N, C-alpha and C. Protein backbone atom coordinates (compact mmCIF):
# COMPACT_ATOMS: atom_id res chain seq x y z
N MET A 1 263.25 73.68 -50.57
CA MET A 1 263.11 72.57 -51.41
C MET A 1 261.47 72.34 -51.80
N LYS A 2 261.33 72.20 -52.80
CA LYS A 2 260.08 72.17 -53.04
C LYS A 2 260.01 70.55 -53.13
N THR A 3 258.35 70.01 -52.62
CA THR A 3 257.97 68.23 -52.43
C THR A 3 258.36 67.42 -53.49
N ARG A 4 258.70 67.84 -54.85
CA ARG A 4 258.74 67.01 -55.58
C ARG A 4 260.42 66.75 -55.76
N GLU A 5 261.15 67.87 -55.27
CA GLU A 5 262.64 67.65 -55.22
C GLU A 5 262.71 67.06 -53.84
N ARG A 6 262.49 67.08 -52.93
CA ARG A 6 262.52 66.35 -51.58
C ARG A 6 262.28 65.06 -51.40
N ARG A 7 261.11 64.93 -52.53
CA ARG A 7 260.97 62.90 -52.65
C ARG A 7 261.84 62.31 -53.40
N GLN A 8 262.77 63.21 -54.39
CA GLN A 8 263.55 62.72 -55.18
C GLN A 8 265.09 62.62 -54.37
N ARG A 9 264.99 63.70 -53.25
CA ARG A 9 266.22 63.10 -52.57
C ARG A 9 266.31 62.20 -51.51
N ILE A 10 264.99 61.73 -51.45
CA ILE A 10 264.61 60.78 -50.40
C ILE A 10 265.16 59.38 -50.90
N LEU A 11 264.62 59.64 -52.15
CA LEU A 11 264.88 57.88 -53.10
C LEU A 11 266.69 57.88 -53.27
N GLU A 12 267.19 59.18 -53.86
CA GLU A 12 268.71 58.87 -53.57
C GLU A 12 269.19 58.55 -52.35
N LEU A 13 268.75 59.22 -51.21
CA LEU A 13 269.41 59.00 -49.57
C LEU A 13 269.38 57.60 -49.49
N LEU A 14 268.06 56.51 -49.86
CA LEU A 14 267.59 55.20 -49.69
C LEU A 14 268.36 54.17 -50.70
N ASP A 15 268.94 54.72 -51.94
CA ASP A 15 269.51 54.14 -52.73
C ASP A 15 270.72 53.40 -52.68
N ASN A 16 271.32 53.33 -51.16
CA ASN A 16 272.58 52.98 -51.20
C ASN A 16 272.44 51.73 -50.22
N ASN A 17 271.32 50.77 -50.28
CA ASN A 17 271.15 49.40 -49.62
C ASN A 17 271.65 49.61 -48.20
N LEU A 18 271.49 51.09 -47.53
CA LEU A 18 271.49 51.23 -46.39
C LEU A 18 270.22 51.76 -45.54
N PRO A 19 269.52 51.25 -44.56
CA PRO A 19 268.42 51.85 -43.71
C PRO A 19 268.70 53.57 -43.22
N HIS A 20 267.52 54.13 -43.28
CA HIS A 20 267.86 55.31 -42.90
C HIS A 20 266.49 55.36 -41.93
N LYS A 21 266.79 56.17 -40.59
CA LYS A 21 265.61 56.59 -39.69
C LYS A 21 264.77 57.69 -40.36
N GLY A 22 263.55 57.95 -40.15
CA GLY A 22 263.01 58.95 -40.53
C GLY A 22 263.23 60.58 -39.98
N THR A 23 263.92 60.25 -38.45
CA THR A 23 264.50 61.27 -37.95
C THR A 23 265.69 61.67 -38.88
N ASP A 24 266.53 60.95 -39.07
CA ASP A 24 267.98 61.29 -39.74
C ASP A 24 267.26 61.64 -40.97
N LEU A 25 266.39 61.38 -41.59
CA LEU A 25 266.03 61.87 -43.15
C LEU A 25 265.61 63.55 -43.00
N ALA A 26 265.01 63.49 -41.87
CA ALA A 26 264.14 64.82 -41.75
C ALA A 26 264.97 65.62 -41.15
N ALA A 27 266.16 65.54 -40.57
CA ALA A 27 267.11 66.25 -40.42
C ALA A 27 267.85 66.58 -41.72
N ALA A 28 268.46 65.82 -42.45
CA ALA A 28 269.21 65.88 -43.55
C ALA A 28 268.41 66.92 -44.36
N LEU A 29 267.03 66.88 -44.65
CA LEU A 29 266.11 67.65 -45.70
C LEU A 29 265.71 69.07 -44.87
N GLY A 30 265.69 69.27 -43.56
CA GLY A 30 265.52 70.20 -42.94
C GLY A 30 263.66 70.25 -43.01
N VAL A 31 263.14 69.21 -42.60
CA VAL A 31 262.12 69.01 -42.16
C VAL A 31 261.69 67.90 -41.27
N SER A 32 260.35 67.65 -40.82
CA SER A 32 259.81 67.13 -39.45
C SER A 32 259.87 65.39 -40.03
N ARG A 33 259.66 64.90 -39.38
CA ARG A 33 259.90 63.33 -38.99
C ARG A 33 258.47 62.95 -39.98
N GLN A 34 257.35 63.83 -39.25
CA GLN A 34 256.10 63.61 -39.77
C GLN A 34 255.98 64.02 -41.56
N VAL A 35 256.66 64.91 -42.02
CA VAL A 35 256.82 65.35 -43.45
C VAL A 35 257.49 63.98 -44.03
N ILE A 36 258.43 63.25 -43.54
CA ILE A 36 259.25 62.34 -44.11
C ILE A 36 257.93 61.18 -44.37
N VAL A 37 257.43 60.39 -43.17
CA VAL A 37 256.42 59.75 -42.84
C VAL A 37 255.30 59.99 -44.29
N GLN A 38 254.79 61.42 -44.31
CA GLN A 38 254.03 61.45 -45.53
C GLN A 38 254.42 61.34 -47.01
N ASP A 39 255.83 61.70 -47.23
CA ASP A 39 256.51 61.81 -48.43
C ASP A 39 256.76 60.20 -48.83
N ILE A 40 257.01 59.37 -47.89
CA ILE A 40 257.21 58.02 -47.66
C ILE A 40 255.83 57.28 -48.09
N ALA A 41 254.59 57.82 -47.73
CA ALA A 41 253.56 57.17 -48.06
C ALA A 41 253.15 57.67 -49.51
N VAL A 42 253.58 58.78 -50.20
CA VAL A 42 253.30 59.11 -51.29
C VAL A 42 254.05 58.46 -52.22
N LEU A 43 255.66 58.41 -51.98
CA LEU A 43 256.30 57.35 -53.01
C LEU A 43 255.60 55.95 -52.85
N ARG A 44 255.00 55.55 -51.91
CA ARG A 44 254.71 53.91 -52.15
C ARG A 44 253.34 53.81 -52.83
N ALA A 45 252.61 54.93 -52.95
CA ALA A 45 251.36 55.00 -53.38
C ALA A 45 251.49 54.95 -55.02
N THR A 46 252.48 55.77 -55.55
CA THR A 46 252.89 55.72 -56.67
C THR A 46 253.85 54.62 -57.37
N GLY A 47 254.21 53.67 -56.27
CA GLY A 47 254.61 52.19 -56.70
C GLY A 47 255.94 51.82 -56.31
N VAL A 48 256.22 52.60 -55.49
CA VAL A 48 258.01 52.96 -55.04
C VAL A 48 258.16 51.85 -53.79
N ASN A 49 258.77 50.80 -53.99
CA ASN A 49 258.73 49.48 -52.96
C ASN A 49 259.82 50.11 -51.88
N ILE A 50 259.56 50.76 -50.88
CA ILE A 50 260.24 51.11 -49.64
C ILE A 50 259.50 50.86 -48.69
N LEU A 51 260.58 49.91 -47.85
CA LEU A 51 260.57 49.04 -46.86
C LEU A 51 260.27 49.75 -45.63
N ALA A 52 259.63 49.41 -44.76
CA ALA A 52 260.48 50.06 -43.08
C ALA A 52 260.24 48.85 -42.18
N THR A 53 261.97 49.31 -41.73
CA THR A 53 262.20 48.05 -40.69
C THR A 53 262.56 48.71 -39.59
N PRO A 54 263.00 48.03 -38.74
CA PRO A 54 263.29 48.35 -37.16
C PRO A 54 264.55 49.20 -37.53
N GLN A 55 265.40 49.04 -38.58
CA GLN A 55 266.63 49.87 -38.24
C GLN A 55 266.33 51.38 -39.48
N GLY A 56 264.92 51.52 -39.77
CA GLY A 56 264.60 52.68 -40.86
C GLY A 56 264.28 52.44 -41.97
N TYR A 57 263.67 53.03 -42.94
CA TYR A 57 263.45 53.03 -44.22
C TYR A 57 264.39 52.25 -45.09
N LEU A 58 264.04 51.49 -46.28
CA LEU A 58 264.92 50.99 -47.17
C LEU A 58 264.30 50.33 -48.50
N LEU A 59 265.50 50.88 -49.23
CA LEU A 59 265.06 50.13 -50.74
C LEU A 59 265.68 49.23 -50.78
N PRO A 60 265.09 48.22 -50.97
CA PRO A 60 265.51 46.45 -51.51
C PRO A 60 266.42 46.62 -52.40
N GLY A 61 267.74 45.52 -52.23
CA GLY A 61 268.82 45.90 -52.85
C GLY A 61 267.88 44.80 -54.09
N GLN A 62 269.21 45.01 -55.17
CA GLN A 62 269.02 44.39 -56.21
C GLN A 62 269.98 42.98 -56.59
N GLU A 63 270.69 42.95 -55.61
CA GLU A 63 271.90 41.91 -56.00
C GLU A 63 271.28 40.91 -55.61
N GLU A 64 272.49 39.52 -56.34
CA GLU A 64 272.10 38.10 -56.90
C GLU A 64 272.20 37.66 -55.09
N THR A 65 270.84 37.21 -54.78
CA THR A 65 271.18 36.25 -53.39
C THR A 65 269.86 34.87 -53.86
N CYS A 66 270.35 34.05 -52.75
CA CYS A 66 269.30 32.86 -52.71
C CYS A 66 268.47 33.02 -51.36
N ARG A 67 267.21 33.05 -51.81
CA ARG A 67 265.97 32.97 -50.44
C ARG A 67 265.17 31.80 -50.04
N ARG A 68 264.80 31.43 -49.27
CA ARG A 68 264.42 30.09 -48.91
C ARG A 68 263.49 31.17 -47.53
N THR A 69 262.07 30.40 -47.75
CA THR A 69 261.21 30.11 -46.18
C THR A 69 261.15 29.04 -45.77
N PHE A 70 261.46 29.64 -44.15
CA PHE A 70 261.52 28.79 -43.21
C PHE A 70 260.50 28.79 -42.14
N PRO A 71 259.41 27.77 -42.11
CA PRO A 71 258.63 27.33 -41.45
C PRO A 71 259.06 27.44 -39.52
N CYS A 72 258.64 27.67 -38.83
CA CYS A 72 259.40 27.95 -37.37
C CYS A 72 258.68 28.08 -36.54
N ARG A 73 259.08 27.57 -35.26
CA ARG A 73 257.77 27.51 -34.20
C ARG A 73 259.03 27.59 -32.68
N HIS A 74 258.56 28.56 -31.84
CA HIS A 74 259.52 28.70 -30.63
C HIS A 74 258.52 29.45 -29.71
N ASP A 75 259.12 29.56 -28.57
CA ASP A 75 258.50 30.70 -27.22
C ASP A 75 259.50 31.74 -27.46
N LEU A 76 259.41 32.50 -26.32
CA LEU A 76 259.98 33.92 -26.36
C LEU A 76 261.26 33.66 -25.77
N ALA A 77 261.67 32.38 -25.26
CA ALA A 77 263.41 32.14 -25.11
C ALA A 77 263.96 31.92 -25.97
N GLY A 78 263.15 31.49 -27.22
CA GLY A 78 264.09 30.75 -28.55
C GLY A 78 264.41 31.99 -29.29
N LEU A 79 263.53 32.84 -29.44
CA LEU A 79 263.40 34.05 -30.52
C LEU A 79 264.79 34.26 -30.80
N GLU A 80 265.92 34.99 -29.28
CA GLU A 80 266.92 35.04 -29.94
C GLU A 80 267.75 34.16 -30.49
N GLN A 81 268.03 32.97 -30.03
CA GLN A 81 268.48 31.97 -30.44
C GLN A 81 268.41 31.58 -31.92
N GLU A 82 267.01 31.42 -32.24
CA GLU A 82 266.84 31.57 -33.38
C GLU A 82 267.14 32.26 -34.33
N LEU A 83 267.17 33.84 -34.14
CA LEU A 83 267.67 34.52 -35.16
C LEU A 83 269.22 34.70 -35.24
N LEU A 84 269.67 34.51 -33.81
CA LEU A 84 271.65 34.37 -33.94
C LEU A 84 271.73 33.52 -34.72
N LEU A 85 271.23 32.19 -34.60
CA LEU A 85 271.57 31.09 -35.91
C LEU A 85 271.63 30.97 -36.91
N ILE A 86 270.57 31.67 -37.51
CA ILE A 86 270.44 32.22 -38.81
C ILE A 86 271.65 33.08 -39.50
N VAL A 87 271.63 34.12 -38.35
CA VAL A 87 272.76 35.07 -38.92
C VAL A 87 274.26 34.90 -38.92
N ASP A 88 274.18 33.92 -37.81
CA ASP A 88 275.62 33.26 -37.71
C ASP A 88 276.40 32.15 -38.39
N TYR A 89 275.11 31.52 -39.39
CA TYR A 89 275.57 31.01 -40.62
C TYR A 89 275.50 31.24 -41.52
N GLY A 90 275.64 33.03 -41.41
CA GLY A 90 275.49 33.52 -43.08
C GLY A 90 274.32 34.18 -43.41
N GLY A 91 273.32 33.58 -42.62
CA GLY A 91 271.73 34.53 -43.50
C GLY A 91 271.46 35.61 -43.20
N LYS A 92 270.41 36.59 -43.83
CA LYS A 92 270.16 37.82 -43.61
C LYS A 92 268.44 37.19 -43.51
N VAL A 93 267.80 37.72 -41.87
CA VAL A 93 266.09 37.23 -42.00
C VAL A 93 265.75 38.60 -42.21
N ILE A 94 264.85 38.42 -43.34
CA ILE A 94 264.16 39.37 -44.70
C ILE A 94 262.97 39.98 -43.18
N ASP A 95 262.59 38.73 -43.14
CA ASP A 95 260.88 39.01 -42.05
C ASP A 95 260.47 38.26 -41.57
N VAL A 96 259.47 38.58 -40.84
CA VAL A 96 258.54 37.22 -40.45
C VAL A 96 257.41 37.43 -40.54
N ILE A 97 256.44 36.26 -40.77
CA ILE A 97 255.24 36.13 -41.43
C ILE A 97 254.53 35.40 -40.25
N VAL A 98 253.01 35.59 -40.34
CA VAL A 98 252.45 34.90 -39.50
C VAL A 98 251.16 35.00 -40.10
N GLU A 99 250.13 33.56 -40.12
CA GLU A 99 249.01 34.01 -40.29
C GLU A 99 247.74 34.03 -39.48
N HIS A 100 247.39 35.10 -39.54
CA HIS A 100 245.82 35.64 -38.47
C HIS A 100 244.72 35.20 -39.14
N PRO A 101 244.24 34.63 -38.10
CA PRO A 101 242.37 33.96 -38.60
C PRO A 101 241.61 35.29 -38.75
N LEU A 102 241.64 36.20 -38.62
CA LEU A 102 240.81 37.22 -39.26
C LEU A 102 241.69 38.57 -40.38
N TYR A 103 243.10 38.51 -39.92
CA TYR A 103 243.18 39.57 -41.16
C TYR A 103 244.46 38.71 -42.05
N GLY A 104 244.38 37.65 -41.70
CA GLY A 104 245.12 36.57 -42.79
C GLY A 104 246.46 37.28 -42.63
N GLU A 105 247.60 37.18 -43.69
CA GLU A 105 249.17 37.15 -43.91
C GLU A 105 249.46 38.40 -43.09
N ILE A 106 250.20 38.57 -42.09
CA ILE A 106 250.85 39.58 -41.46
C ILE A 106 252.20 39.22 -41.60
N ARG A 107 253.02 40.29 -42.14
CA ARG A 107 254.16 40.57 -42.24
C ARG A 107 255.29 41.60 -41.68
N GLY A 108 256.09 41.27 -41.25
CA GLY A 108 256.77 42.47 -40.34
C GLY A 108 258.54 42.19 -41.25
N TYR A 109 259.24 43.37 -41.51
CA TYR A 109 260.31 43.33 -42.20
C TYR A 109 261.33 43.61 -40.85
N LEU A 110 262.35 42.72 -40.89
CA LEU A 110 263.27 42.62 -39.75
C LEU A 110 264.79 43.14 -40.24
N MET A 111 265.44 42.31 -41.61
CA MET A 111 266.63 42.82 -42.26
C MET A 111 267.15 43.08 -40.94
N LEU A 112 267.44 41.41 -40.16
CA LEU A 112 268.50 41.65 -39.75
C LEU A 112 269.47 40.34 -40.28
N SER A 113 270.86 41.11 -40.06
CA SER A 113 272.22 40.50 -40.89
C SER A 113 273.29 40.22 -40.25
N SER A 114 273.15 40.60 -38.64
CA SER A 114 274.26 40.40 -38.03
C SER A 114 274.04 40.07 -36.30
N ARG A 115 274.90 39.86 -35.32
CA ARG A 115 274.44 39.47 -34.28
C ARG A 115 274.08 40.71 -33.43
N TYR A 116 274.89 41.98 -34.15
CA TYR A 116 274.41 43.14 -33.48
C TYR A 116 273.00 43.62 -34.01
N ASP A 117 272.57 43.43 -34.81
CA ASP A 117 271.22 43.42 -35.05
C ASP A 117 270.52 43.06 -34.31
N VAL A 118 270.68 41.56 -34.16
CA VAL A 118 269.55 40.53 -33.49
C VAL A 118 269.59 40.98 -32.04
N GLN A 119 270.77 41.37 -31.64
CA GLN A 119 270.42 41.77 -30.04
C GLN A 119 269.93 43.37 -29.94
N ARG A 120 270.20 44.27 -30.54
CA ARG A 120 269.30 45.43 -30.89
C ARG A 120 267.62 45.27 -31.00
N PHE A 121 267.39 44.27 -31.99
CA PHE A 121 265.88 43.78 -32.19
C PHE A 121 265.42 43.14 -30.70
N VAL A 122 266.24 42.33 -30.10
CA VAL A 122 265.49 41.46 -28.80
C VAL A 122 265.61 42.75 -27.80
N ALA A 123 266.19 43.51 -27.69
CA ALA A 123 266.40 44.90 -26.78
C ALA A 123 265.15 45.73 -27.01
N ASN A 124 265.30 45.89 -28.52
CA ASN A 124 264.02 46.90 -28.81
C ASN A 124 262.52 46.60 -28.40
N LEU A 125 262.36 45.17 -28.62
CA LEU A 125 261.37 44.30 -28.11
C LEU A 125 261.09 44.18 -27.15
N ALA A 126 262.25 44.10 -25.78
CA ALA A 126 261.78 43.81 -24.25
C ALA A 126 261.38 45.24 -23.99
N GLY A 127 262.30 46.54 -24.65
CA GLY A 127 261.75 47.53 -23.98
C GLY A 127 260.61 48.13 -24.34
N SER A 128 259.65 47.81 -25.47
CA SER A 128 258.70 48.15 -26.35
C SER A 128 257.19 47.86 -25.31
N GLY A 129 257.99 46.33 -24.81
CA GLY A 129 256.56 46.03 -24.42
C GLY A 129 255.72 45.54 -25.44
N ALA A 130 256.08 45.40 -26.46
CA ALA A 130 254.82 44.62 -27.78
C ALA A 130 255.33 43.43 -27.61
N ARG A 131 254.71 42.07 -28.23
CA ARG A 131 254.93 40.95 -28.13
C ARG A 131 255.32 40.64 -29.76
N PRO A 132 255.96 39.54 -29.77
CA PRO A 132 256.53 39.13 -31.39
C PRO A 132 255.35 38.66 -32.05
N LEU A 133 255.24 38.77 -33.54
CA LEU A 133 254.38 38.43 -34.07
C LEU A 133 253.67 36.88 -34.10
N TYR A 134 254.55 35.96 -34.03
CA TYR A 134 254.45 34.52 -34.04
C TYR A 134 253.39 34.57 -32.90
N THR A 135 253.28 35.55 -31.45
CA THR A 135 252.03 35.05 -30.56
C THR A 135 250.75 35.27 -31.22
N LEU A 136 250.23 36.20 -32.09
CA LEU A 136 249.30 36.11 -32.73
C LEU A 136 248.52 34.87 -33.30
N THR A 137 249.38 33.66 -33.25
CA THR A 137 249.08 32.37 -33.53
C THR A 137 248.71 31.67 -32.34
N GLY A 138 248.80 31.96 -31.50
CA GLY A 138 248.94 31.16 -30.21
C GLY A 138 249.58 29.84 -30.80
N LYS A 139 250.08 29.74 -31.37
CA LYS A 139 251.06 28.58 -31.27
C LYS A 139 252.70 28.60 -31.43
N GLY A 140 252.84 30.08 -31.37
CA GLY A 140 254.23 30.10 -32.05
C GLY A 140 254.54 30.04 -33.50
N VAL A 141 254.03 29.67 -33.98
CA VAL A 141 254.01 29.23 -35.63
C VAL A 141 254.15 30.61 -36.35
N HIS A 142 255.44 30.46 -37.13
CA HIS A 142 255.85 31.76 -37.93
C HIS A 142 256.55 31.14 -39.09
N LEU A 143 256.80 31.98 -39.92
CA LEU A 143 257.61 32.01 -41.21
C LEU A 143 258.84 33.14 -41.32
N HIS A 144 259.94 32.70 -41.85
CA HIS A 144 261.35 33.74 -42.19
C HIS A 144 261.37 33.51 -43.08
N THR A 145 261.46 34.56 -44.23
CA THR A 145 262.47 34.33 -45.38
C THR A 145 263.54 35.27 -44.74
N VAL A 146 264.58 34.17 -45.71
CA VAL A 146 265.98 34.27 -45.02
C VAL A 146 266.47 34.28 -46.37
N GLU A 147 267.62 35.31 -46.46
CA GLU A 147 268.39 35.25 -47.75
C GLU A 147 269.55 35.02 -47.37
N ALA A 148 270.69 34.21 -48.21
CA ALA A 148 271.78 34.06 -48.30
C ALA A 148 272.73 34.17 -49.62
N ALA A 149 273.95 34.40 -49.69
CA ALA A 149 274.79 34.17 -50.78
C ALA A 149 274.90 33.29 -51.81
N ARG A 150 274.64 31.93 -51.37
CA ARG A 150 274.53 30.44 -51.87
C ARG A 150 273.36 29.75 -51.06
N GLU A 151 273.26 28.36 -52.15
CA GLU A 151 272.28 27.39 -51.66
C GLU A 151 272.66 27.15 -50.24
N ASP A 152 273.68 26.32 -50.20
CA ASP A 152 274.70 25.51 -49.69
C ASP A 152 274.37 26.23 -48.20
N ILE A 153 274.51 27.39 -48.02
CA ILE A 153 274.53 28.58 -46.98
C ILE A 153 272.62 28.25 -46.12
N LEU A 154 271.75 28.20 -47.24
CA LEU A 154 270.38 27.99 -46.93
C LEU A 154 270.49 26.64 -46.43
N ASP A 155 271.08 25.62 -47.03
CA ASP A 155 270.83 24.43 -46.44
C ASP A 155 271.31 23.88 -45.03
N ARG A 156 272.50 24.63 -44.84
CA ARG A 156 273.05 24.53 -43.45
C ARG A 156 272.24 25.40 -42.36
N ILE A 157 271.97 26.48 -42.64
CA ILE A 157 270.75 27.24 -41.69
C ILE A 157 269.66 26.31 -41.56
N GLU A 158 268.92 25.65 -42.83
CA GLU A 158 267.71 24.55 -42.25
C GLU A 158 268.20 23.42 -41.24
N GLU A 159 269.90 22.87 -41.77
CA GLU A 159 270.44 22.02 -40.70
C GLU A 159 269.87 22.36 -39.23
N LYS A 160 271.12 23.34 -39.34
CA LYS A 160 270.85 23.98 -37.72
C LYS A 160 269.42 24.26 -37.11
N LEU A 161 268.62 24.86 -37.59
CA LEU A 161 266.89 24.97 -37.23
C LEU A 161 266.51 23.93 -37.06
N SER A 162 266.44 22.67 -37.60
CA SER A 162 265.97 21.71 -37.17
C SER A 162 266.88 21.17 -36.37
N GLN A 163 267.91 21.07 -36.01
CA GLN A 163 268.42 20.53 -35.11
C GLN A 163 268.08 20.95 -33.90
N ALA A 164 268.35 22.46 -33.64
CA ALA A 164 267.85 23.01 -32.60
C ALA A 164 266.13 22.98 -32.34
N GLY A 165 265.32 22.34 -32.97
CA GLY A 165 264.13 22.06 -32.80
C GLY A 165 263.01 23.16 -33.13
N PHE A 166 263.77 24.62 -34.07
CA PHE A 166 262.75 25.36 -34.33
C PHE A 166 262.04 24.95 -35.49
N LEU A 167 262.30 24.44 -36.53
CA LEU A 167 261.87 24.14 -37.78
C LEU A 167 260.61 23.22 -37.66
N LEU A 168 259.75 23.61 -38.45
CA LEU A 168 258.72 22.54 -38.64
C LEU A 168 258.58 21.78 -39.82
N LYS A 169 258.09 20.54 -39.22
CA LYS A 169 258.28 19.49 -40.41
C LYS A 169 257.17 19.31 -40.94
């Protein structure tokens, strides 16, 4: 398969709104994971919006949803509780954003929409030895972009985040 055909096939595989790990794409296309990483980089350079999430590569969906950004603060013990609260009330955690004093805005795509996603993310975080992005601020302050089917769901999530003490006012 030629390079152009492989990159087109990557886009076709990503067009189902499900994340795909680089190793899975490599196996499906008969190339190495490094070739997939390079292809993704080239596709992004041509303007294709491909997200790299903990679950794999993803093309953002075009479905009608409501979005809101919530300013939050918590410690490590509150991380899982905060994320579970959002997904349990019908939200999808799109990302986490922090303001770094040197680099400016840093964003990590999470794409968490279920308890399973949250638990897997927390387990991967613990197993990696990495620290959550909010630790870069020194105060635990971060933003989450959250998607939901309706505004009233986002209102309820905001209320629950506030009640739990996670929401910055």
